[in-house]
Amino acid sequence: MSERPSWQWDETRQVGTDYADVAEVERYEKRMGEFRDLPAEDAAILETLALPDRSHILEIGTGTGHFARAAARAGHRVTALDTSPAMLRYAEDRAKSEGLTGIEFRLAGFLTFRAATGSFDAAVSVAVLHHLPDLWKAVALHNIHRV
């Protein structure tokens, strides 16, 4: 994760449940699966994107890596970002246990990721933008559009 200027919003600051513990991350994934159809969400996103094979997708706020894994299974390359080291560890472990390749997990978020302009074919973020105050959402959307 790149160094954050002192005036910039700290997107790593934990608000709510502390996901520093991998066991809590596992419970989080289980809870999400109880009221959301994650495979159907992933399929709908991939269908909407309608990208050719081997497209490069940026996922911001990968969490448990559910979408990143689905995109990799569909033949895409994924750069999966999250500001939680525990979430990234869990997501990477799951991808490895499923034998998936083509996913790069990086500690970064909307405000701190760095990539060259036009680096990605698409960007995805599901249920994450609400973690930023409104002013910083505009910066986040600008960053996404740029890459």
N, C-alpha and C. Protein backbone atom coordinates (compact mmCIF):
# COMPACT_ATOMS: atom_id res chain seq x y z
N MET A 1 0.86 -1.17 0.00
CA MET A 1 0.00 0.00 0.00
C MET A 1 0.90 1.22 0.00
N SER A 2 0.57 2.19 -0.84
CA SER A 2 1.41 3.38 -0.88
C SER A 2 1.19 4.26 0.34
N GLU A 3 2.20 5.06 0.59
CA GLU A 3 2.14 5.97 1.74
C GLU A 3 1.01 6.97 1.52
N ARG A 4 0.26 7.23 2.57
CA ARG A 4 -0.90 8.12 2.52
C ARG A 4 -0.49 9.49 3.06
N PRO A 5 -0.81 10.57 2.32
CA PRO A 5 -0.56 11.91 2.86
C PRO A 5 -1.36 12.12 4.15
N SER A 6 -0.87 12.91 5.06
CA SER A 6 -1.54 13.11 6.36
C SER A 6 -2.95 13.68 6.22
N TRP A 7 -3.23 14.41 5.15
CA TRP A 7 -4.54 15.03 4.96
C TRP A 7 -5.56 14.07 4.33
N GLN A 8 -5.09 12.96 3.80
CA GLN A 8 -5.99 12.03 3.10
C GLN A 8 -6.74 11.15 4.09
N TRP A 9 -7.98 10.84 3.77
CA TRP A 9 -8.80 9.93 4.57
C TRP A 9 -8.06 8.61 4.75
N ASP A 10 -8.08 8.07 5.97
CA ASP A 10 -7.42 6.80 6.25
C ASP A 10 -8.41 5.67 5.98
N GLU A 11 -8.34 5.11 4.78
CA GLU A 11 -9.28 4.06 4.40
C GLU A 11 -8.99 2.73 5.08
N THR A 12 -7.89 2.63 5.80
CA THR A 12 -7.58 1.41 6.54
C THR A 12 -8.18 1.43 7.94
N ARG A 13 -8.69 2.57 8.36
CA ARG A 13 -9.26 2.69 9.71
C ARG A 13 -10.51 1.81 9.81
N GLN A 14 -10.47 0.89 10.74
CA GLN A 14 -11.57 -0.06 10.91
C GLN A 14 -12.77 0.60 11.57
N VAL A 15 -13.93 0.46 10.95
CA VAL A 15 -15.18 0.94 11.52
C VAL A 15 -16.11 -0.27 11.58
N GLY A 16 -16.71 -0.51 12.72
CA GLY A 16 -17.59 -1.66 12.86
C GLY A 16 -16.82 -2.91 13.24
N THR A 17 -17.25 -4.04 12.73
CA THR A 17 -16.63 -5.32 13.05
C THR A 17 -15.15 -5.30 12.67
N ASP A 18 -14.31 -5.80 13.54
CA ASP A 18 -12.88 -5.85 13.28
C ASP A 18 -12.56 -7.14 12.55
N TYR A 19 -12.14 -7.01 11.31
CA TYR A 19 -11.81 -8.18 10.51
C TYR A 19 -10.31 -8.46 10.51
N ALA A 20 -9.64 -8.18 11.62
CA ALA A 20 -8.21 -8.45 11.73
C ALA A 20 -7.94 -9.93 11.97
N ASP A 21 -8.96 -10.65 12.37
CA ASP A 21 -8.84 -12.07 12.70
C ASP A 21 -9.41 -12.91 11.55
N VAL A 22 -8.63 -13.84 11.04
CA VAL A 22 -9.07 -14.68 9.91
C VAL A 22 -10.32 -15.47 10.28
N ALA A 23 -10.46 -15.89 11.53
CA ALA A 23 -11.66 -16.62 11.96
C ALA A 23 -12.91 -15.74 11.80
N GLU A 24 -12.78 -14.45 12.09
CA GLU A 24 -13.91 -13.53 11.91
C GLU A 24 -14.21 -13.34 10.42
N VAL A 25 -13.18 -13.36 9.60
CA VAL A 25 -13.37 -13.28 8.14
C VAL A 25 -14.17 -14.49 7.65
N GLU A 26 -13.85 -15.67 8.16
CA GLU A 26 -14.61 -16.87 7.79
C GLU A 26 -16.08 -16.73 8.18
N ARG A 27 -16.32 -16.22 9.40
CA ARG A 27 -17.71 -16.01 9.85
C ARG A 27 -18.41 -14.98 8.96
N TYR A 28 -17.68 -13.94 8.55
CA TYR A 28 -18.23 -12.92 7.66
C TYR A 28 -18.69 -13.55 6.34
N GLU A 29 -17.83 -14.37 5.74
CA GLU A 29 -18.20 -14.99 4.46
C GLU A 29 -19.44 -15.87 4.63
N LYS A 30 -19.51 -16.59 5.73
CA LYS A 30 -20.67 -17.44 6.00
C LYS A 30 -21.94 -16.59 6.14
N ARG A 31 -21.85 -15.48 6.89
CA ARG A 31 -23.00 -14.57 7.06
C ARG A 31 -23.46 -14.01 5.72
N MET A 32 -22.52 -13.59 4.90
CA MET A 32 -22.88 -13.01 3.59
C MET A 32 -23.61 -14.05 2.74
N GLY A 33 -23.15 -15.29 2.81
CA GLY A 33 -23.77 -16.36 2.02
C GLY A 33 -25.15 -16.74 2.50
N GLU A 34 -25.51 -16.33 3.71
CA GLU A 34 -26.83 -16.66 4.25
C GLU A 34 -27.92 -15.74 3.70
N PHE A 35 -27.58 -14.52 3.31
CA PHE A 35 -28.64 -13.63 2.81
C PHE A 35 -28.35 -13.09 1.40
N ARG A 36 -27.22 -13.46 0.84
CA ARG A 36 -26.89 -13.07 -0.53
C ARG A 36 -26.56 -14.32 -1.32
N ASP A 37 -26.94 -14.33 -2.57
CA ASP A 37 -26.57 -15.42 -3.47
C ASP A 37 -25.29 -15.00 -4.19
N LEU A 38 -24.15 -15.22 -3.53
CA LEU A 38 -22.87 -14.74 -4.05
C LEU A 38 -22.52 -15.29 -5.43
N PRO A 39 -22.72 -16.59 -5.68
CA PRO A 39 -22.43 -17.09 -7.04
C PRO A 39 -23.29 -16.42 -8.11
N ALA A 40 -24.56 -16.16 -7.79
CA ALA A 40 -25.43 -15.49 -8.76
C ALA A 40 -24.99 -14.04 -8.98
N GLU A 41 -24.57 -13.36 -7.90
CA GLU A 41 -24.07 -12.00 -8.04
C GLU A 41 -22.83 -11.97 -8.93
N ASP A 42 -21.90 -12.89 -8.67
CA ASP A 42 -20.67 -12.95 -9.47
C ASP A 42 -21.00 -13.19 -10.94
N ALA A 43 -21.88 -14.14 -11.20
CA ALA A 43 -22.26 -14.46 -12.58
C ALA A 43 -22.92 -13.26 -13.26
N ALA A 44 -23.78 -12.55 -12.54
CA ALA A 44 -24.46 -11.38 -13.11
C ALA A 44 -23.45 -10.27 -13.44
N ILE A 45 -22.48 -10.07 -12.57
CA ILE A 45 -21.45 -9.04 -12.84
C ILE A 45 -20.65 -9.43 -14.07
N LEU A 46 -20.20 -10.68 -14.13
CA LEU A 46 -19.41 -11.13 -15.28
C LEU A 46 -20.23 -11.06 -16.58
N GLU A 47 -21.50 -11.40 -16.51
CA GLU A 47 -22.36 -11.32 -17.69
C GLU A 47 -22.53 -9.87 -18.13
N THR A 48 -22.72 -8.97 -17.18
CA THR A 48 -22.87 -7.55 -17.50
C THR A 48 -21.60 -6.98 -18.12
N LEU A 49 -20.44 -7.38 -17.59
CA LEU A 49 -19.17 -6.88 -18.13
C LEU A 49 -18.93 -7.39 -19.55
N ALA A 50 -19.33 -8.64 -19.82
CA ALA A 50 -19.19 -9.25 -21.15
C ALA A 50 -17.79 -9.03 -21.73
N LEU A 51 -16.79 -9.36 -20.95
CA LEU A 51 -15.40 -9.16 -21.35
C LEU A 51 -14.86 -10.38 -22.10
N PRO A 52 -13.93 -10.15 -23.03
CA PRO A 52 -13.28 -11.29 -23.67
C PRO A 52 -12.36 -12.01 -22.68
N ASP A 53 -12.05 -13.27 -22.97
CA ASP A 53 -11.14 -14.04 -22.11
C ASP A 53 -9.85 -13.29 -21.88
N ARG A 54 -9.27 -13.52 -20.71
CA ARG A 54 -7.99 -12.94 -20.30
C ARG A 54 -8.03 -11.43 -20.11
N SER A 55 -9.24 -10.86 -19.97
CA SER A 55 -9.33 -9.43 -19.66
C SER A 55 -8.77 -9.21 -18.27
N HIS A 56 -8.32 -8.01 -18.01
CA HIS A 56 -7.73 -7.67 -16.71
C HIS A 56 -8.74 -6.85 -15.92
N ILE A 57 -9.21 -7.42 -14.81
CA ILE A 57 -10.23 -6.79 -13.97
C ILE A 57 -9.61 -6.30 -12.67
N LEU A 58 -9.94 -5.08 -12.29
CA LEU A 58 -9.56 -4.54 -10.99
C LEU A 58 -10.75 -4.72 -10.06
N GLU A 59 -10.53 -5.39 -8.94
CA GLU A 59 -11.59 -5.48 -7.93
C GLU A 59 -11.11 -4.74 -6.68
N ILE A 60 -11.87 -3.72 -6.30
CA ILE A 60 -11.53 -2.94 -5.12
C ILE A 60 -12.44 -3.36 -3.98
N GLY A 61 -11.81 -3.76 -2.87
CA GLY A 61 -12.57 -4.27 -1.73
C GLY A 61 -12.93 -5.72 -1.94
N THR A 62 -11.95 -6.53 -2.29
CA THR A 62 -12.21 -7.94 -2.61
C THR A 62 -12.75 -8.73 -1.43
N GLY A 63 -12.46 -8.28 -0.20
CA GLY A 63 -12.95 -9.01 0.96
C GLY A 63 -12.46 -10.44 0.96
N THR A 64 -13.36 -11.38 0.93
CA THR A 64 -12.99 -12.81 0.96
C THR A 64 -12.57 -13.33 -0.41
N GLY A 65 -12.59 -12.46 -1.41
CA GLY A 65 -12.13 -12.84 -2.74
C GLY A 65 -13.14 -13.63 -3.56
N HIS A 66 -14.40 -13.62 -3.16
CA HIS A 66 -15.41 -14.43 -3.86
C HIS A 66 -15.49 -14.06 -5.34
N PHE A 67 -15.64 -12.77 -5.64
CA PHE A 67 -15.73 -12.36 -7.05
C PHE A 67 -14.42 -12.61 -7.78
N ALA A 68 -13.29 -12.30 -7.15
CA ALA A 68 -11.98 -12.50 -7.79
C ALA A 68 -11.81 -13.96 -8.21
N ARG A 69 -12.22 -14.88 -7.35
CA ARG A 69 -12.11 -16.30 -7.68
C ARG A 69 -13.03 -16.67 -8.84
N ALA A 70 -14.25 -16.13 -8.83
CA ALA A 70 -15.20 -16.41 -9.93
C ALA A 70 -14.65 -15.87 -11.25
N ALA A 71 -14.08 -14.67 -11.21
CA ALA A 71 -13.53 -14.08 -12.43
C ALA A 71 -12.34 -14.89 -12.93
N ALA A 72 -11.49 -15.36 -12.03
CA ALA A 72 -10.34 -16.19 -12.43
C ALA A 72 -10.83 -17.50 -13.03
N ARG A 73 -11.86 -18.11 -12.43
CA ARG A 73 -12.41 -19.35 -12.99
C ARG A 73 -12.98 -19.12 -14.39
N ALA A 74 -13.46 -17.89 -14.64
CA ALA A 74 -14.03 -17.55 -15.95
C ALA A 74 -12.94 -17.18 -16.97
N GLY A 75 -11.67 -17.24 -16.55
CA GLY A 75 -10.58 -17.02 -17.48
C GLY A 75 -10.01 -15.61 -17.51
N HIS A 76 -10.32 -14.81 -16.50
CA HIS A 76 -9.81 -13.44 -16.46
C HIS A 76 -8.63 -13.31 -15.51
N ARG A 77 -7.86 -12.27 -15.70
CA ARG A 77 -6.80 -11.90 -14.77
C ARG A 77 -7.40 -10.86 -13.83
N VAL A 78 -7.08 -10.95 -12.55
CA VAL A 78 -7.69 -10.07 -11.56
C VAL A 78 -6.61 -9.48 -10.66
N THR A 79 -6.70 -8.17 -10.44
CA THR A 79 -5.95 -7.52 -9.39
C THR A 79 -6.97 -7.21 -8.31
N ALA A 80 -6.83 -7.90 -7.18
CA ALA A 80 -7.81 -7.83 -6.10
C ALA A 80 -7.22 -7.03 -4.94
N LEU A 81 -7.86 -5.91 -4.61
CA LEU A 81 -7.38 -5.02 -3.56
C LEU A 81 -8.26 -5.11 -2.32
N ASP A 82 -7.63 -4.95 -1.18
CA ASP A 82 -8.38 -4.78 0.07
C ASP A 82 -7.47 -4.08 1.06
N THR A 83 -8.07 -3.36 1.99
CA THR A 83 -7.30 -2.66 3.01
C THR A 83 -7.11 -3.50 4.26
N SER A 84 -7.67 -4.69 4.28
CA SER A 84 -7.56 -5.59 5.44
C SER A 84 -6.58 -6.72 5.14
N PRO A 85 -5.46 -6.76 5.85
CA PRO A 85 -4.52 -7.87 5.64
C PRO A 85 -5.15 -9.24 5.89
N ALA A 86 -6.03 -9.34 6.89
CA ALA A 86 -6.67 -10.63 7.18
C ALA A 86 -7.59 -11.06 6.05
N MET A 87 -8.35 -10.13 5.48
CA MET A 87 -9.21 -10.45 4.34
C MET A 87 -8.36 -10.94 3.18
N LEU A 88 -7.27 -10.25 2.90
CA LEU A 88 -6.40 -10.65 1.79
C LEU A 88 -5.80 -12.03 2.01
N ARG A 89 -5.36 -12.30 3.25
CA ARG A 89 -4.80 -13.62 3.57
C ARG A 89 -5.83 -14.70 3.31
N TYR A 90 -7.04 -14.47 3.80
CA TYR A 90 -8.12 -15.44 3.62
C TYR A 90 -8.41 -15.64 2.13
N ALA A 91 -8.54 -14.54 1.39
CA ALA A 91 -8.87 -14.61 -0.04
C ALA A 91 -7.78 -15.35 -0.82
N GLU A 92 -6.53 -15.03 -0.51
CA GLU A 92 -5.43 -15.68 -1.21
C GLU A 92 -5.36 -17.17 -0.87
N ASP A 93 -5.57 -17.50 0.39
CA ASP A 93 -5.58 -18.92 0.79
C ASP A 93 -6.69 -19.69 0.08
N ARG A 94 -7.88 -19.08 -0.02
CA ARG A 94 -8.99 -19.74 -0.71
C ARG A 94 -8.65 -19.96 -2.18
N ALA A 95 -8.08 -18.95 -2.83
CA ALA A 95 -7.72 -19.07 -4.24
C ALA A 95 -6.70 -20.18 -4.44
N LYS A 96 -5.71 -20.23 -3.57
CA LYS A 96 -4.68 -21.28 -3.67
C LYS A 96 -5.30 -22.66 -3.44
N SER A 97 -6.20 -22.76 -2.45
CA SER A 97 -6.81 -24.06 -2.16
C SER A 97 -7.68 -24.55 -3.31
N GLU A 98 -8.18 -23.61 -4.12
CA GLU A 98 -8.98 -23.97 -5.29
C GLU A 98 -8.12 -24.12 -6.54
N GLY A 99 -6.81 -23.94 -6.40
CA GLY A 99 -5.90 -24.10 -7.53
C GLY A 99 -6.01 -22.99 -8.57
N LEU A 100 -6.48 -21.84 -8.15
CA LEU A 100 -6.67 -20.74 -9.10
C LEU A 100 -5.40 -19.92 -9.27
N THR A 101 -5.18 -19.49 -10.49
CA THR A 101 -4.06 -18.60 -10.79
C THR A 101 -4.63 -17.36 -11.47
N GLY A 102 -3.77 -16.39 -11.70
CA GLY A 102 -4.23 -15.20 -12.41
C GLY A 102 -4.82 -14.14 -11.51
N ILE A 103 -4.67 -14.29 -10.18
CA ILE A 103 -5.16 -13.28 -9.24
C ILE A 103 -3.96 -12.71 -8.49
N GLU A 104 -3.83 -11.40 -8.52
CA GLU A 104 -2.82 -10.72 -7.72
C GLU A 104 -3.55 -10.02 -6.58
N PHE A 105 -3.24 -10.39 -5.36
CA PHE A 105 -3.84 -9.78 -4.18
C PHE A 105 -2.92 -8.67 -3.68
N ARG A 106 -3.47 -7.47 -3.49
CA ARG A 106 -2.66 -6.33 -3.06
C ARG A 106 -3.34 -5.57 -1.92
N LEU A 107 -2.54 -5.15 -0.97
CA LEU A 107 -3.02 -4.35 0.16
C LEU A 107 -3.14 -2.90 -0.31
N ALA A 108 -4.35 -2.49 -0.61
CA ALA A 108 -4.63 -1.13 -1.09
C ALA A 108 -6.14 -0.95 -1.15
N GLY A 109 -6.55 0.27 -1.36
CA GLY A 109 -7.97 0.57 -1.47
C GLY A 109 -8.23 1.61 -2.55
N PHE A 110 -9.41 2.19 -2.52
CA PHE A 110 -9.81 3.19 -3.51
C PHE A 110 -8.82 4.35 -3.61
N LEU A 111 -8.30 4.78 -2.48
CA LEU A 111 -7.49 5.99 -2.43
C LEU A 111 -6.00 5.72 -2.54
N THR A 112 -5.57 4.51 -2.22
CA THR A 112 -4.14 4.23 -2.13
C THR A 112 -3.60 3.33 -3.23
N PHE A 113 -4.46 2.75 -4.08
CA PHE A 113 -3.92 1.90 -5.13
C PHE A 113 -3.25 2.77 -6.20
N ARG A 114 -2.23 2.20 -6.78
CA ARG A 114 -1.51 2.88 -7.84
C ARG A 114 -1.46 1.97 -9.06
N ALA A 115 -1.81 2.53 -10.19
CA ALA A 115 -1.73 1.80 -11.45
C ALA A 115 -1.69 2.82 -12.57
N ALA A 116 -1.09 2.45 -13.67
CA ALA A 116 -1.00 3.33 -14.82
C ALA A 116 -2.39 3.56 -15.42
N THR A 117 -2.57 4.70 -16.02
CA THR A 117 -3.82 5.04 -16.69
C THR A 117 -4.16 3.96 -17.72
N GLY A 118 -5.40 3.51 -17.70
CA GLY A 118 -5.87 2.52 -18.66
C GLY A 118 -5.35 1.11 -18.44
N SER A 119 -4.92 0.79 -17.23
CA SER A 119 -4.32 -0.52 -16.94
C SER A 119 -5.30 -1.68 -16.97
N PHE A 120 -6.58 -1.41 -16.79
CA PHE A 120 -7.57 -2.46 -16.62
C PHE A 120 -8.66 -2.37 -17.67
N ASP A 121 -9.26 -3.52 -17.96
CA ASP A 121 -10.38 -3.57 -18.90
C ASP A 121 -11.70 -3.25 -18.21
N ALA A 122 -11.74 -3.46 -16.90
CA ALA A 122 -12.96 -3.19 -16.12
C ALA A 122 -12.58 -3.08 -14.65
N ALA A 123 -13.44 -2.42 -13.90
CA ALA A 123 -13.26 -2.32 -12.45
C ALA A 123 -14.57 -2.71 -11.78
N VAL A 124 -14.44 -3.44 -10.68
CA VAL A 124 -15.60 -3.94 -9.93
C VAL A 124 -15.40 -3.62 -8.46
N SER A 125 -16.47 -3.22 -7.82
CA SER A 125 -16.47 -3.04 -6.38
C SER A 125 -17.90 -3.28 -5.90
N VAL A 126 -18.06 -4.24 -5.02
CA VAL A 126 -19.40 -4.61 -4.56
C VAL A 126 -19.52 -4.30 -3.08
N ALA A 127 -20.47 -3.45 -2.73
CA ALA A 127 -20.79 -3.14 -1.32
C ALA A 127 -19.57 -2.67 -0.53
N VAL A 128 -18.81 -1.73 -1.12
CA VAL A 128 -17.60 -1.24 -0.46
C VAL A 128 -17.55 0.28 -0.40
N LEU A 129 -18.02 0.95 -1.43
CA LEU A 129 -17.88 2.40 -1.53
C LEU A 129 -18.47 3.13 -0.32
N HIS A 130 -19.45 2.54 0.33
CA HIS A 130 -20.07 3.19 1.50
C HIS A 130 -19.11 3.35 2.66
N HIS A 131 -17.96 2.71 2.61
CA HIS A 131 -16.97 2.85 3.68
C HIS A 131 -16.26 4.20 3.64
N LEU A 132 -16.41 4.93 2.55
CA LEU A 132 -15.76 6.24 2.42
C LEU A 132 -16.75 7.37 2.67
N PRO A 133 -16.29 8.47 3.26
CA PRO A 133 -17.14 9.67 3.34
C PRO A 133 -17.41 10.18 1.92
N ASP A 134 -18.50 10.92 1.75
CA ASP A 134 -18.93 11.35 0.42
C ASP A 134 -17.84 12.06 -0.38
N LEU A 135 -17.11 12.98 0.21
CA LEU A 135 -16.06 13.69 -0.51
C LEU A 135 -15.05 12.72 -1.10
N TRP A 136 -14.67 11.72 -0.34
CA TRP A 136 -13.65 10.77 -0.80
C TRP A 136 -14.21 9.78 -1.82
N LYS A 137 -15.53 9.63 -1.87
CA LYS A 137 -16.13 8.78 -2.91
C LYS A 137 -15.85 9.37 -4.28
N ALA A 138 -15.88 10.69 -4.40
CA ALA A 138 -15.59 11.34 -5.68
C ALA A 138 -14.14 11.05 -6.10
N VAL A 139 -13.22 11.11 -5.16
CA VAL A 139 -11.82 10.80 -5.45
C VAL A 139 -11.69 9.33 -5.88
N ALA A 140 -12.38 8.46 -5.16
CA ALA A 140 -12.34 7.03 -5.48
C ALA A 140 -12.85 6.78 -6.90
N LEU A 141 -13.96 7.37 -7.25
CA LEU A 141 -14.52 7.17 -8.59
C LEU A 141 -13.60 7.74 -9.67
N HIS A 142 -12.95 8.84 -9.37
CA HIS A 142 -11.98 9.40 -10.32
C HIS A 142 -10.81 8.41 -10.52
N ASN A 143 -10.31 7.86 -9.42
CA ASN A 143 -9.21 6.88 -9.51
C ASN A 143 -9.61 5.68 -10.35
N ILE A 144 -10.81 5.17 -10.12
CA ILE A 144 -11.30 4.01 -10.88
C ILE A 144 -11.38 4.36 -12.36
N HIS A 145 -11.98 5.49 -12.67
CA HIS A 145 -12.14 5.91 -14.07
C HIS A 145 -10.78 6.04 -14.76
N ARG A 146 -9.81 6.57 -14.05
CA ARG A 146 -8.48 6.78 -14.63
C ARG A 146 -7.82 5.46 -15.07
N VAL A 147 -7.98 4.42 -14.28
CA VAL A 147 -7.31 3.17 -14.60
C VAL A 147 -8.17 2.24 -15.42
